[in-house]
């Protein structure tokens, strides 16, 4: 296998090109499909319809190869960026959150039995999954600080019994696979479960600023959920370690997908600025507009380079905790600027649903919060700065 001077294999570049063609030609027309839920998110019927097309085109779960191996992170980036060229692209290609991160975790840490039962149908794109970690803030539960976790688990014969409350569980409604985090005497634990389960009750699905995720972001109650002991991921007390295996690549994958969306939004804004005339000339010839588009190109390139750098760190085998925090902050803030400028360039049209620009703006605003808000990542980096300074004084 040869590689280009970028260090990305020809195989990965070919997959990315195939994904881009599929998203632009097949997925983009679905953006006007009316099969949506009560606040605009795609229904599972729409998702599975697109996935059948992706399966036929050979671009379903494209970052996981036929032999079960995974593209490295730098190669995954070029593929997931292309899948993000439409807000529906990750759903169609099965590169969406939280499934992509869940598949990565199970691929790395799951036993052969867990992979066969839970991972295989996810890779095949036949089921969706959900990751049950965040808890209600007004009940003192875990959010950005997972050590505050209140959901408990206790052994009972050859089962574990899990009880607690969870919130902002993306895709819980309609999911068929769940990864549940809870705390035992030994520490945090992770369990694989089949969904739906009568012991898990969805209490509320709020309307949120984002609308790209099927199943919404549910608040739910877990009431004496019985899980066979062999469905625990690893050993009791290792849950936070597995969470770290998942979190850095998953937050970087968010950066990849939403960079793709912002590239497309910038294409739309650029086309608009070249076609729309005002005050005797195209908008792009007005310095205030042209400069915004120039700044977008700069932010796009900086985001691309930041993603590639962090992916390279992860490819060394490092957890990349600090690096992924830096990438999450830099990329999410850059994408917010890009999306905002696109709306501004397009004026009134930019705030309508005539194009995806308005949706991308909303989605990127939410991205600055999920997978750790900017301020939490900065705080974590500041603590590392202090630790490193103290170590130098010793």
Protein backbone atom coordinates (compact mmCIF):
# COMPACT_ATOMS: atom_id res chain seq x y z
CA UNK A 1 0.00 0.00 0.00
CA UNK A 2 1.41 3.35 -1.00
CA UNK A 3 0.92 6.65 0.77
CA UNK A 4 0.84 10.23 -0.41
CA UNK A 5 3.17 12.92 0.87
CA UNK A 6 0.51 13.77 3.45
CA UNK A 7 1.17 10.46 5.18
CA UNK A 8 -2.42 9.36 4.50
CA UNK A 9 -2.70 6.05 2.62
CA UNK A 10 -4.13 5.94 -0.87
CA UNK A 11 -6.73 3.51 0.48
CA UNK A 12 -8.01 6.09 3.00
CA UNK A 13 -8.02 8.86 0.39
CA UNK A 14 -10.02 6.65 -1.95
CA UNK A 15 -12.55 5.89 0.79
CA UNK A 16 -12.84 9.61 1.57
CA UNK A 17 -13.43 10.46 -2.10
CA UNK A 18 -16.12 7.79 -2.32
CA UNK A 19 -17.81 9.12 0.83
CA UNK A 20 -17.71 12.69 -0.47
CA UNK A 21 -19.33 11.72 -3.76
CA UNK A 22 -22.04 9.76 -1.95
CA UNK A 23 -22.82 12.59 0.49
CA UNK A 24 -22.93 15.28 -2.19
CA UNK A 25 -24.89 13.26 -4.74
CA UNK A 26 -27.15 11.03 -2.66
CA UNK A 27 -27.44 12.44 0.87
CA UNK A 28 -27.79 16.16 0.16
CA UNK A 29 -31.20 15.68 -1.57
CA UNK A 30 -32.47 14.09 1.65
CA UNK A 31 -31.95 17.39 3.49
CA UNK A 32 -35.48 18.41 2.42
CA UNK A 33 -37.01 15.04 3.31
CA UNK A 34 -40.02 15.65 5.62
CA UNK A 35 -39.46 12.53 7.73
CA UNK A 36 -38.56 14.38 10.93
CA UNK A 37 -39.64 14.20 14.56
CA UNK A 38 -41.40 16.87 16.62
CA UNK A 39 -38.43 19.23 16.56
CA UNK A 40 -36.81 18.51 13.24
CA UNK A 41 -34.52 15.55 13.93
CA UNK A 42 -34.45 12.75 11.32
CA UNK A 43 -36.63 9.75 12.07
CA UNK A 44 -35.19 6.24 12.15
CA UNK A 45 -37.15 5.50 8.97
CA UNK A 46 -35.20 8.25 7.19
CA UNK A 47 -31.89 7.10 8.70
CA UNK A 48 -32.35 3.49 7.64
CA UNK A 49 -33.46 4.56 4.16
CA UNK A 50 -30.20 6.49 3.71
CA UNK A 51 -28.17 3.63 5.16
CA UNK A 52 -29.54 1.21 2.59
CA UNK A 53 -28.21 3.56 -0.07
CA UNK A 54 -24.87 3.80 1.76
CA UNK A 55 -24.66 0.01 1.98
CA UNK A 56 -25.30 -0.28 -1.74
CA UNK A 57 -22.67 2.39 -2.45
CA UNK A 58 -20.07 0.69 -0.24
CA UNK A 59 -19.71 3.62 2.16
CA UNK A 60 -21.50 2.30 5.26
CA UNK A 61 -19.23 2.50 8.32
CA UNK A 62 -16.34 3.32 5.97
CA UNK A 63 -13.74 3.87 8.70
CA UNK A 64 -14.02 0.23 9.84
CA UNK A 65 -12.69 -2.17 7.22
CA UNK A 66 -14.10 -5.54 6.17
CA UNK A 67 -11.61 -7.42 8.34
CA UNK A 68 -12.73 -5.46 11.43
CA UNK A 69 -9.62 -3.27 11.53
CA UNK A 70 -10.01 0.47 12.00
CA UNK A 71 -8.45 3.26 9.95
CA UNK A 72 -5.97 5.14 12.09
CA UNK A 73 -7.07 8.49 13.47
CA UNK A 74 -5.44 10.61 10.78
CA UNK A 75 -7.08 8.50 8.10
CA UNK A 76 -10.39 8.50 9.96
CA UNK A 77 -10.25 12.30 9.91
CA UNK A 78 -10.17 12.59 6.12
CA UNK A 79 -13.15 10.22 5.90
CA UNK A 80 -15.29 11.72 8.68
CA UNK A 81 -14.74 15.27 7.44
CA UNK A 82 -16.24 14.21 4.10
CA UNK A 83 -19.14 12.44 5.82
CA UNK A 84 -19.91 15.72 7.60
CA UNK A 85 -20.51 17.69 4.39
CA UNK A 86 -24.20 17.25 5.14
CA UNK A 87 -25.74 17.15 8.63
CA UNK A 88 -27.30 13.88 7.45
CA UNK A 89 -24.02 12.45 6.16
CA UNK A 90 -22.80 10.91 9.43
CA UNK A 91 -26.23 9.30 9.93
CA UNK A 92 -26.23 7.85 6.44
CA UNK A 93 -22.63 6.59 6.60
CA UNK A 94 -22.84 5.37 10.22
CA UNK A 95 -20.09 7.72 11.39
CA UNK A 96 -22.42 9.60 13.75
CA UNK A 97 -22.18 10.25 17.46
CA UNK A 98 -22.52 8.48 19.82
CA UNK A 99 -22.29 5.32 17.71
CA UNK A 100 -18.88 6.04 16.22
CA UNK A 101 -17.35 6.48 19.69
CA UNK A 102 -19.18 3.46 21.05
CA UNK A 103 -17.95 1.30 18.19
CA UNK A 104 -14.41 2.53 18.77
CA UNK A 105 -14.58 1.65 22.47
CA UNK A 106 -16.01 -1.83 21.91
CA UNK A 107 -13.51 -2.48 19.15
CA UNK A 108 -10.67 -1.63 21.53
CA UNK A 109 -11.91 -3.13 24.79
CA UNK A 110 -14.79 -5.52 24.14
CA UNK A 111 -14.50 -9.28 24.56
CA UNK A 112 -15.12 -11.46 21.48
CA UNK A 113 -18.57 -12.26 22.87
CA UNK A 114 -19.49 -8.60 23.42
CA UNK A 115 -18.21 -7.69 19.97
CA UNK A 116 -20.32 -10.37 18.31
CA UNK A 117 -23.47 -9.51 20.22
CA UNK A 118 -23.30 -5.71 20.42
CA UNK A 119 -20.61 -4.36 18.09
CA UNK A 120 -21.41 -6.35 14.96
CA UNK A 121 -24.97 -5.02 14.46
CA UNK A 122 -23.70 -1.49 15.10
CA UNK A 123 -20.96 -1.80 12.47
CA UNK A 124 -23.54 -3.22 10.07
CA UNK A 125 -25.60 -0.05 10.63
CA UNK A 126 -28.69 -2.02 11.62
CA UNK A 127 -29.05 -0.56 15.12
CA UNK A 128 -28.33 2.68 16.93
CA UNK A 129 -26.68 2.98 20.35
CA UNK A 130 -26.63 5.33 23.32
CA UNK A 131 -24.01 6.15 25.97
CA UNK A 132 -25.47 6.62 29.46
CA UNK A 133 -23.09 8.80 31.50
CA UNK A 134 -24.38 12.35 32.15
CA UNK A 135 -26.78 12.88 35.08
CA UNK A 136 -29.21 15.68 36.03
CA UNK A 137 -27.40 18.76 37.33
CA UNK A 138 -30.29 19.76 39.59
CA UNK A 139 -29.88 16.41 41.38
CA UNK A 140 -26.15 16.84 41.88
CA UNK A 141 -25.26 14.23 39.29
CA UNK A 142 -22.24 13.81 37.03
CA UNK A 143 -21.75 16.12 34.08
CA UNK A 144 -18.36 17.48 33.11
CA UNK A 145 -17.13 16.02 36.42
CA UNK A 146 -17.77 12.26 36.14
CA UNK A 147 -16.53 11.70 39.71
CA UNK A 148 -19.92 13.09 40.85
CA UNK A 149 -21.70 10.04 39.45
CA UNK A 150 -24.68 8.96 41.52
CA UNK A 151 -26.00 6.05 39.47
CA UNK A 152 -25.13 2.91 41.44
CA UNK A 153 -24.56 -0.74 40.64
CA UNK A 154 -24.32 -3.69 42.99
CA UNK A 155 -23.67 -7.40 42.42
CA UNK A 156 -26.57 -9.81 42.88
CA UNK A 157 -25.64 -13.39 42.10
CA UNK A 158 -24.53 -13.59 38.50
CA UNK A 159 -26.06 -10.19 37.72
CA UNK A 160 -25.47 -6.54 38.57
CA UNK A 161 -28.35 -4.26 39.55
CA UNK A 162 -28.17 -0.67 38.29
CA UNK A 163 -30.27 2.26 39.52
CA UNK A 164 -30.09 5.99 38.96
CA UNK A 165 -30.98 8.91 36.74
CA UNK A 166 -29.40 10.01 33.47
CA UNK A 167 -29.88 13.05 31.27
CA UNK A 168 -28.89 14.34 27.82
CA UNK A 169 -28.59 10.74 26.65
CA UNK A 170 -28.29 11.20 22.92
CA UNK A 171 -30.35 8.82 20.84
CA UNK A 172 -31.76 6.86 23.80
CA UNK A 173 -35.21 6.74 22.23
CA UNK A 174 -34.99 4.16 19.48
CA UNK A 175 -31.54 2.85 20.43
CA UNK A 176 -31.03 -0.91 20.57
CA UNK A 177 -27.64 -0.97 22.31
CA UNK A 178 -26.70 0.92 25.46
CA UNK A 179 -23.46 1.50 27.34
CA UNK A 180 -24.30 2.38 30.94
CA UNK A 181 -21.91 3.89 33.47
CA UNK A 182 -22.53 3.41 37.18
CA UNK A 183 -20.48 3.32 40.37
CA UNK A 184 -19.82 0.32 42.60
CA UNK A 185 -17.74 -0.05 45.75
CA UNK A 186 -14.77 -0.81 43.49
CA UNK A 187 -15.31 2.36 41.44
CA UNK A 188 -16.94 3.14 38.10
CA UNK A 189 -18.28 0.32 35.93
CA UNK A 190 -19.51 0.05 32.34
CA UNK A 191 -22.21 -2.31 31.11
CA UNK A 192 -23.48 -3.32 27.67
CA UNK A 193 -27.25 -3.67 27.55
CA UNK A 194 -30.02 -4.46 25.09
CA UNK A 195 -32.60 -1.72 24.56
CA UNK A 196 -35.38 -1.05 25.15
CA UNK A 197 -35.60 -2.45 28.68
CA UNK A 198 -38.61 -2.07 31.00
CA UNK A 199 -36.27 -1.02 33.82
CA UNK A 200 -35.27 2.10 31.83
CA UNK A 201 -38.00 4.74 31.62
CA UNK A 202 -37.64 7.80 29.42
CA UNK A 203 -39.06 10.70 31.42
CA UNK A 204 -38.54 13.59 29.04
CA UNK A 205 -36.95 14.50 25.72
CA UNK A 206 -36.44 18.27 25.57
CA UNK A 207 -36.40 20.37 22.45
CA UNK A 208 -32.80 21.48 22.01
CA UNK A 209 -30.89 23.93 19.82
CA UNK A 210 -29.51 21.06 17.72
CA UNK A 211 -31.66 18.80 15.56
CA UNK A 212 -29.34 16.36 13.81
CA UNK A 213 -29.54 13.46 16.27
CA UNK A 214 -32.37 10.90 15.99
CA UNK A 215 -33.88 10.09 19.36
CA UNK A 216 -33.04 13.48 20.89
CA UNK A 217 -31.28 13.91 24.24
CA UNK A 218 -33.38 12.09 26.82
CA UNK A 219 -33.69 12.35 30.59
CA UNK A 220 -34.47 8.91 32.00
CA UNK A 221 -34.75 6.79 35.12
CA UNK A 222 -32.98 3.44 35.60
CA UNK A 223 -34.91 1.41 38.16
CA UNK A 224 -33.24 -1.84 39.28
CA UNK A 225 -31.91 -2.75 35.86
CA UNK A 226 -30.56 -6.30 35.99
CA UNK A 227 -27.50 -6.87 33.81
CA UNK A 228 -25.74 -10.25 33.47
CA UNK A 229 -22.23 -10.08 34.90
CA UNK A 230 -20.68 -11.09 31.58
CA UNK A 231 -22.06 -7.89 30.03
CA UNK A 232 -19.74 -5.74 32.11
CA UNK A 233 -16.99 -4.17 30.02
CA UNK A 234 -13.74 -5.33 31.64
CA UNK A 235 -13.63 -5.41 35.40
CA UNK A 236 -15.47 -3.52 38.16
CA UNK A 237 -13.78 -0.21 38.91
CA UNK A 238 -12.29 0.24 35.42
CA UNK A 239 -15.14 2.35 34.01
CA UNK A 240 -13.34 5.69 34.06
CA UNK A 241 -10.33 4.19 32.29
CA UNK A 242 -12.58 2.93 29.52
CA UNK A 243 -14.29 6.31 29.37
CA UNK A 244 -10.91 7.91 28.70
CA UNK A 245 -10.21 5.40 25.91
CA UNK A 246 -13.43 6.58 24.27
CA UNK A 247 -13.55 10.28 25.04
CA UNK A 248 -10.47 11.69 23.32
CA UNK A 249 -11.10 10.04 19.94
CA UNK A 250 -14.84 10.73 20.20
CA UNK A 251 -14.44 14.44 20.88
CA UNK A 252 -11.98 14.65 17.98
CA UNK A 253 -14.50 12.88 15.73
CA UNK A 254 -16.99 15.63 16.56
CA UNK A 255 -14.40 18.13 15.33
CA UNK A 256 -14.02 16.16 12.09
CA UNK A 257 -17.72 15.90 11.31
CA UNK A 258 -18.56 19.51 12.10
CA UNK A 259 -15.56 20.77 10.14
CA UNK A 260 -17.13 19.04 7.15
CA UNK A 261 -20.44 20.78 7.85
CA UNK A 262 -18.73 24.17 8.09
CA UNK A 263 -16.83 23.56 4.84
CA UNK A 264 -20.19 23.01 3.15
CA UNK A 265 -21.74 26.07 4.85
CA UNK A 266 -18.82 28.16 3.62
CA UNK A 267 -19.33 26.82 0.09
CA UNK A 268 -22.97 27.93 0.24
CA UNK A 269 -22.08 31.37 1.63
CA UNK A 270 -19.36 31.80 -0.99
CA UNK A 271 -21.76 30.94 -3.80
CA UNK A 272 -24.31 33.39 -2.39
CA UNK A 273 -21.75 36.20 -2.07
CA UNK A 274 -20.66 35.76 -5.68
CA UNK A 275 -24.19 35.65 -7.10
CA UNK A 276 -25.87 38.31 -4.95
CA UNK A 277 -25.35 41.93 -6.01
CA UNK A 278 -25.75 45.04 -3.86
CA UNK A 279 -24.59 48.62 -4.34
CA UNK A 280 -23.51 47.96 -7.90
CA UNK A 281 -21.33 44.88 -7.48
CA UNK A 282 -21.27 41.30 -6.13
CA UNK A 283 -21.25 41.02 -2.36
CA UNK A 284 -17.86 39.30 -2.45
CA UNK A 285 -16.34 42.49 -3.89
CA UNK A 286 -17.37 44.43 -0.80
CA UNK A 287 -14.40 44.25 1.53
CA UNK A 288 -16.51 43.53 4.62
CA UNK A 289 -17.96 40.43 2.98
CA UNK A 290 -14.86 39.27 1.14
CA UNK A 291 -12.78 39.52 4.29
CA UNK A 292 -15.26 37.33 6.22
CA UNK A 293 -14.92 34.61 3.61
CA UNK A 294 -11.13 34.99 3.70
CA UNK A 295 -11.19 34.58 7.48
CA UNK A 296 -13.29 31.46 7.02
CA UNK A 297 -10.61 29.91 4.82
CA UNK A 298 -8.02 30.64 7.49
CA UNK A 299 -10.15 29.10 10.27
CA UNK A 300 -10.96 26.06 8.13
CA UNK A 301 -7.29 25.38 7.49
CA UNK A 302 -6.33 25.92 11.13
CA UNK A 303 -9.10 23.53 12.25
CA UNK A 304 -7.96 20.94 9.70
CA UNK A 305 -4.36 21.16 10.89
CA UNK A 306 -5.36 20.99 14.57
CA UNK A 307 -7.40 17.85 13.92
CA UNK A 308 -4.56 16.24 11.98
CA UNK A 309 -2.06 17.08 14.76
CA UNK A 310 -4.23 15.64 17.53
CA UNK A 311 -5.05 12.57 15.44
CA UNK A 312 -1.33 12.00 14.97
CA UNK A 313 -0.83 12.10 18.73
CA UNK A 314 -3.59 9.52 19.23
CA UNK A 315 -2.02 7.33 16.57
CA UNK A 316 1.11 7.01 18.73
CA UNK A 317 -0.99 5.18 21.33
CA UNK A 318 -1.23 8.16 23.67
CA UNK A 319 -4.57 8.88 25.34
CA UNK A 320 -4.09 12.43 24.06
CA UNK A 321 -6.12 13.93 26.90
CA UNK A 322 -4.47 17.37 26.83
CA UNK A 323 -4.12 17.39 23.06
CA UNK A 324 -7.79 16.53 22.50
CA UNK A 325 -8.79 19.27 24.95
CA UNK A 326 -6.75 21.77 22.95
CA UNK A 327 -8.22 20.52 19.68
CA UNK A 328 -11.78 20.59 21.04
CA UNK A 329 -11.41 24.21 22.17
CA UNK A 330 -9.59 25.47 19.10
CA UNK A 331 -11.75 23.70 16.53
CA UNK A 332 -15.16 24.27 18.15
CA UNK A 333 -14.45 27.98 18.59
CA UNK A 334 -13.13 28.28 15.01
CA UNK A 335 -16.18 26.48 13.63
CA UNK A 336 -18.45 28.80 15.57
CA UNK A 337 -16.78 31.77 13.90
CA UNK A 338 -17.10 30.16 10.47
CA UNK A 339 -20.79 29.34 10.89
CA UNK A 340 -21.54 32.80 12.27
CA UNK A 341 -19.83 34.51 9.33
CA UNK A 342 -21.75 32.32 6.88
CA UNK A 343 -25.04 33.45 8.39
CA UNK A 344 -23.89 37.08 8.32
CA UNK A 345 -22.73 36.94 4.69
CA UNK A 346 -26.11 35.55 3.62
CA UNK A 347 -28.16 38.05 5.60
CA UNK A 348 -31.85 37.20 5.84
CA UNK A 349 -31.42 34.03 3.79
CA UNK A 350 -28.84 32.83 6.29
CA UNK A 351 -31.37 32.61 9.12
CA UNK A 352 -33.93 30.63 7.13
CA UNK A 353 -34.17 26.91 6.44
CA UNK A 354 -33.67 27.57 2.72
CA UNK A 355 -30.12 26.19 3.15
CA UNK A 356 -28.34 24.17 5.85
CA UNK A 357 -26.35 27.23 7.00
CA UNK A 358 -28.83 28.05 9.76
CA UNK A 359 -28.79 24.45 11.03
CA UNK A 360 -25.00 24.26 10.98
CA UNK A 361 -24.87 27.46 13.06
CA UNK A 362 -27.18 25.90 15.67
CA UNK A 363 -25.40 22.56 15.70
CA UNK A 364 -21.95 24.07 16.13
CA UNK A 365 -23.21 26.22 19.01
CA UNK A 366 -24.26 23.02 20.78
CA UNK A 367 -20.92 21.40 19.95
CA UNK A 368 -19.14 24.03 22.05
CA UNK A 369 -20.88 22.46 25.07
CA UNK A 370 -21.13 18.71 24.54
CA UNK A 371 -18.08 16.52 25.01
CA UNK A 372 -16.88 19.12 27.48
CA UNK A 373 -17.52 22.87 27.26
CA UNK A 374 -14.64 25.14 26.31
CA UNK A 375 -14.19 26.35 29.87
CA UNK A 376 -13.81 22.83 31.32
CA UNK A 377 -11.12 22.00 28.79
CA UNK A 378 -9.28 25.25 29.53
CA UNK A 379 -9.51 24.52 33.26
CA UNK A 380 -8.13 21.02 32.70
CA UNK A 381 -5.25 22.45 30.68
CA UNK A 382 -4.55 25.04 33.37
CA UNK A 383 -4.30 22.26 35.96
CA UNK A 384 -1.82 20.46 33.72
CA UNK A 385 0.23 23.63 33.40
CA UNK A 386 0.42 23.85 37.18
CA UNK A 387 1.32 20.15 37.55
CA UNK A 388 4.04 20.44 34.95
CA UNK A 389 5.44 23.56 36.64
CA UNK A 390 5.55 21.82 40.02
CA UNK A 391 7.30 18.83 38.49
CA UNK A 392 9.96 21.12 37.06
CA UNK A 393 10.61 22.59 40.51
CA UNK A 394 11.21 19.18 42.11
